[in-house]
Amino acid sequence: MDVSRRRATPSKKIQALTTANATLQDGNAELKKAYDKLETERDQLRQTIKSLQVAVSVLLGSSAGMAVGLAIGLAGVAAGTALTAAITVFFAVIMASMAILNYMRRPPA
């Protein structure tokens, strides 16, 4: 009869372990939510960085293209030639910028 009484009422140690386990599970759930939130923010920051890198590349290309076009135009060359050179430099600078950015994103081997 003494044995049935022990099984009917759990000991204080078991209750403490059960409470601690429940607390740890709650903490684990909160940590998972915080981790997921941080991952989302990290992904948003990476997207923002990519957008800024593209914008900077386009600005560099347009500045270089405009400078070359103006320089050639002021040298007395035909407007069509100056425009062609400016467009060529524009795309060359953008392509070079994108290649450099792509190279920098790769993890080291």
C-alpha atoms as a PDB file:
ATOM      1  CA  MET A   1       0.000   0.000   0.000  1.00  0.00           C
ATOM      2  CA  ASP A   2       2.881   2.302   0.660  1.00  0.00           C
ATOM      3  CA  VAL A   3       4.095   1.813  -2.930  1.00  0.00           C
ATOM      4  CA  SER A   4       0.782   2.908  -4.460  1.00  0.00           C
ATOM      5  CA  ARG A   5       0.858   6.089  -2.442  1.00  0.00           C
ATOM      6  CA  ARG A   6       4.301   7.004  -3.849  1.00  0.00           C
ATOM      7  CA  ARG A   7       3.151   6.523  -7.421  1.00  0.00           C
ATOM      8  CA  ALA A   8       0.007   8.542  -6.901  1.00  0.00           C
ATOM      9  CA  THR A   9       1.892  11.639  -5.714  1.00  0.00           C
ATOM     10  CA  PRO A  10       5.027  12.471  -7.674  1.00  0.00           C
ATOM     11  CA  SER A  11       8.052  13.456  -5.680  1.00  0.00           C
ATOM     12  CA  LYS A  12       9.248  17.032  -5.420  1.00  0.00           C
ATOM     13  CA  LYS A  13      12.318  16.207  -7.512  1.00  0.00           C
ATOM     14  CA  ILE A  14      10.195  14.970 -10.407  1.00  0.00           C
ATOM     15  CA  GLN A  15       7.970  18.026 -10.196  1.00  0.00           C
ATOM     16  CA  ALA A  16      11.042  20.282 -10.160  1.00  0.00           C
ATOM     17  CA  LEU A  17      12.483  18.467 -13.191  1.00  0.00           C
ATOM     18  CA  THR A  18       9.180  18.719 -15.026  1.00  0.00           C
ATOM     19  CA  THR A  19       8.958  22.439 -14.286  1.00  0.00           C
ATOM     20  CA  ALA A  20      12.573  22.976 -15.350  1.00  0.00           C
ATOM     21  CA  ASN A  21      11.973  21.031 -18.551  1.00  0.00           C
ATOM     22  CA  ALA A  22       8.906  23.107 -19.380  1.00  0.00           C
ATOM     23  CA  THR A  23      10.850  26.307 -18.701  1.00  0.00           C
ATOM     24  CA  LEU A  24      13.676  25.148 -20.973  1.00  0.00           C
ATOM     25  CA  GLN A  25      11.226  24.265 -23.743  1.00  0.00           C
ATOM     26  CA  ASP A  26       9.647  27.714 -23.479  1.00  0.00           C
ATOM     27  CA  GLY A  27      13.078  29.318 -23.607  1.00  0.00           C
ATOM     28  CA  ASN A  28      14.001  27.181 -26.599  1.00  0.00           C
ATOM     29  CA  ALA A  29      10.848  28.270 -28.431  1.00  0.00           C
ATOM     30  CA  GLU A  30      11.637  31.931 -27.720  1.00  0.00           C
ATOM     31  CA  LEU A  31      15.209  31.475 -28.938  1.00  0.00           C
ATOM     32  CA  LYS A  32      13.953  29.853 -32.140  1.00  0.00           C
ATOM     33  CA  LYS A  33      11.622  32.808 -32.777  1.00  0.00           C
ATOM     34  CA  ALA A  34      14.473  35.257 -32.152  1.00  0.00           C
ATOM     35  CA  TYR A  35      16.769  33.265 -34.440  1.00  0.00           C
ATOM     36  CA  ASP A  36      14.181  33.216 -37.233  1.00  0.00           C
ATOM     37  CA  LYS A  37      13.708  36.966 -36.853  1.00  0.00           C
ATOM     38  CA  LEU A  38      17.466  37.534 -37.069  1.00  0.00           C
ATOM     39  CA  GLU A  39      17.689  35.358 -40.174  1.00  0.00           C
ATOM     40  CA  THR A  40      14.936  37.391 -41.813  1.00  0.00           C
ATOM     41  CA  GLU A  41      16.686  40.649 -40.947  1.00  0.00           C
ATOM     42  CA  ARG A  42      20.007  39.275 -42.241  1.00  0.00           C
ATOM     43  CA  ASP A  43      18.394  38.313 -45.550  1.00  0.00           C
ATOM     44  CA  GLN A  44      16.852  41.782 -45.855  1.00  0.00           C
ATOM     45  CA  LEU A  45      20.233  43.394 -45.179  1.00  0.00           C
ATOM     46  CA  ARG A  46      21.894  41.192 -47.792  1.00  0.00           C
ATOM     47  CA  GLN A  47      19.265  42.243 -50.338  1.00  0.00           C
ATOM     48  CA  THR A  48      19.817  45.902 -49.447  1.00  0.00           C
ATOM     49  CA  ILE A  49      23.570  45.471 -49.865  1.00  0.00           C
ATOM     50  CA  LYS A  50      23.088  43.887 -53.280  1.00  0.00           C
ATOM     51  CA  SER A  51      20.819  46.736 -54.357  1.00  0.00           C
ATOM     52  CA  LEU A  52      23.330  49.320 -53.192  1.00  0.00           C
ATOM     53  CA  GLN A  53      26.162  47.532 -54.978  1.00  0.00           C
ATOM     54  CA  VAL A  54      24.210  47.574 -58.234  1.00  0.00           C
ATOM     55  CA  ALA A  55      23.360  51.261 -57.772  1.00  0.00           C
ATOM     56  CA  VAL A  56      27.001  52.150 -57.142  1.00  0.00           C
ATOM     57  CA  SER A  57      28.073  50.160 -60.210  1.00  0.00           C
ATOM     58  CA  VAL A  58      25.575  51.995 -62.396  1.00  0.00           C
ATOM     59  CA  LEU A  59      26.687  55.363 -61.001  1.00  0.00           C
ATOM     60  CA  LEU A  60      30.338  54.533 -61.632  1.00  0.00           C
ATOM     61  CA  GLY A  61      29.539  53.401 -65.162  1.00  0.00           C
ATOM     62  CA  SER A  62      27.486  56.462 -65.981  1.00  0.00           C
ATOM     63  CA  SER A  63      30.112  58.806 -64.569  1.00  0.00           C
ATOM     64  CA  ALA A  64      32.904  57.138 -66.508  1.00  0.00           C
ATOM     65  CA  GLY A  65      30.805  57.001 -69.692  1.00  0.00           C
ATOM     66  CA  MET A  66      29.864  60.650 -69.408  1.00  0.00           C
ATOM     67  CA  ALA A  67      33.467  61.654 -68.791  1.00  0.00           C
ATOM     68  CA  VAL A  68      34.700  59.733 -71.825  1.00  0.00           C
ATOM     69  CA  GLY A  69      31.871  61.052 -74.008  1.00  0.00           C
ATOM     70  CA  LEU A  70      32.571  64.641 -72.980  1.00  0.00           C
ATOM     71  CA  ALA A  71      36.303  64.232 -73.454  1.00  0.00           C
ATOM     72  CA  ILE A  72      35.898  62.782 -76.929  1.00  0.00           C
ATOM     73  CA  GLY A  73      33.229  65.339 -77.818  1.00  0.00           C
ATOM     74  CA  LEU A  74      35.459  68.215 -76.716  1.00  0.00           C
ATOM     75  CA  ALA A  75      38.311  66.791 -78.764  1.00  0.00           C
ATOM     76  CA  GLY A  76      36.315  67.573 -81.890  1.00  0.00           C
ATOM     77  CA  VAL A  77      35.271  64.051 -82.839  1.00  0.00           C
ATOM     78  CA  ALA A  78      31.802  63.412 -84.295  1.00  0.00           C
ATOM     79  CA  ALA A  79      28.916  63.178 -81.842  1.00  0.00           C
ATOM     80  CA  GLY A  80      28.077  59.609 -82.907  1.00  0.00           C
ATOM     81  CA  THR A  81      31.587  58.445 -82.143  1.00  0.00           C
ATOM     82  CA  ALA A  82      31.558  60.172 -78.773  1.00  0.00           C
ATOM     83  CA  LEU A  83      28.205  58.601 -77.913  1.00  0.00           C
ATOM     84  CA  THR A  84      29.390  55.149 -78.957  1.00  0.00           C
ATOM     85  CA  ALA A  85      32.533  55.477 -76.855  1.00  0.00           C
ATOM     86  CA  ALA A  86      30.533  56.729 -73.862  1.00  0.00           C
ATOM     87  CA  ILE A  87      28.087  53.830 -74.074  1.00  0.00           C
ATOM     88  CA  THR A  88      30.929  51.339 -74.469  1.00  0.00           C
ATOM     89  CA  VAL A  89      32.730  52.691 -71.419  1.00  0.00           C
ATOM     90  CA  PHE A  90      29.457  52.748 -69.469  1.00  0.00           C
ATOM     91  CA  PHE A  91      28.819  49.046 -70.020  1.00  0.00           C
ATOM     92  CA  ALA A  92      32.487  48.130 -69.577  1.00  0.00           C
ATOM     93  CA  VAL A  93      32.616  49.770 -66.156  1.00  0.00           C
ATOM     94  CA  ILE A  94      29.348  48.139 -65.101  1.00  0.00           C
ATOM     95  CA  MET A  95      30.507  44.714 -66.242  1.00  0.00           C
ATOM     96  CA  ALA A  96      33.844  45.128 -64.479  1.00  0.00           C
ATOM     97  CA  SER A  97      32.110  46.267 -61.288  1.00  0.00           C
ATOM     98  CA  MET A  98      29.740  43.325 -61.345  1.00  0.00           C
ATOM     99  CA  ALA A  99      32.604  40.900 -61.972  1.00  0.00           C
ATOM    100  CA  ILE A 100      34.543  42.328 -59.025  1.00  0.00           C
ATOM    101  CA  LEU A 101      31.482  42.184 -56.767  1.00  0.00           C
ATOM    102  CA  ASN A 102      30.771  38.615 -57.838  1.00  0.00           C
ATOM    103  CA  TYR A 103      34.381  37.647 -57.127  1.00  0.00           C
ATOM    104  CA  MET A 104      34.244  39.276 -53.685  1.00  0.00           C
ATOM    105  CA  ARG A 105      31.070  37.352 -52.734  1.00  0.00           C
ATOM    106  CA  ARG A 106      32.642  33.939 -53.330  1.00  0.00           C
ATOM    107  CA  PRO A 107      33.830  32.176 -50.197  1.00  0.00           C
ATOM    108  CA  PRO A 108      37.547  31.412 -50.089  1.00  0.00           C
ATOM    109  CA  ALA A 109      38.475  27.996 -51.430  1.00  0.00           C
END
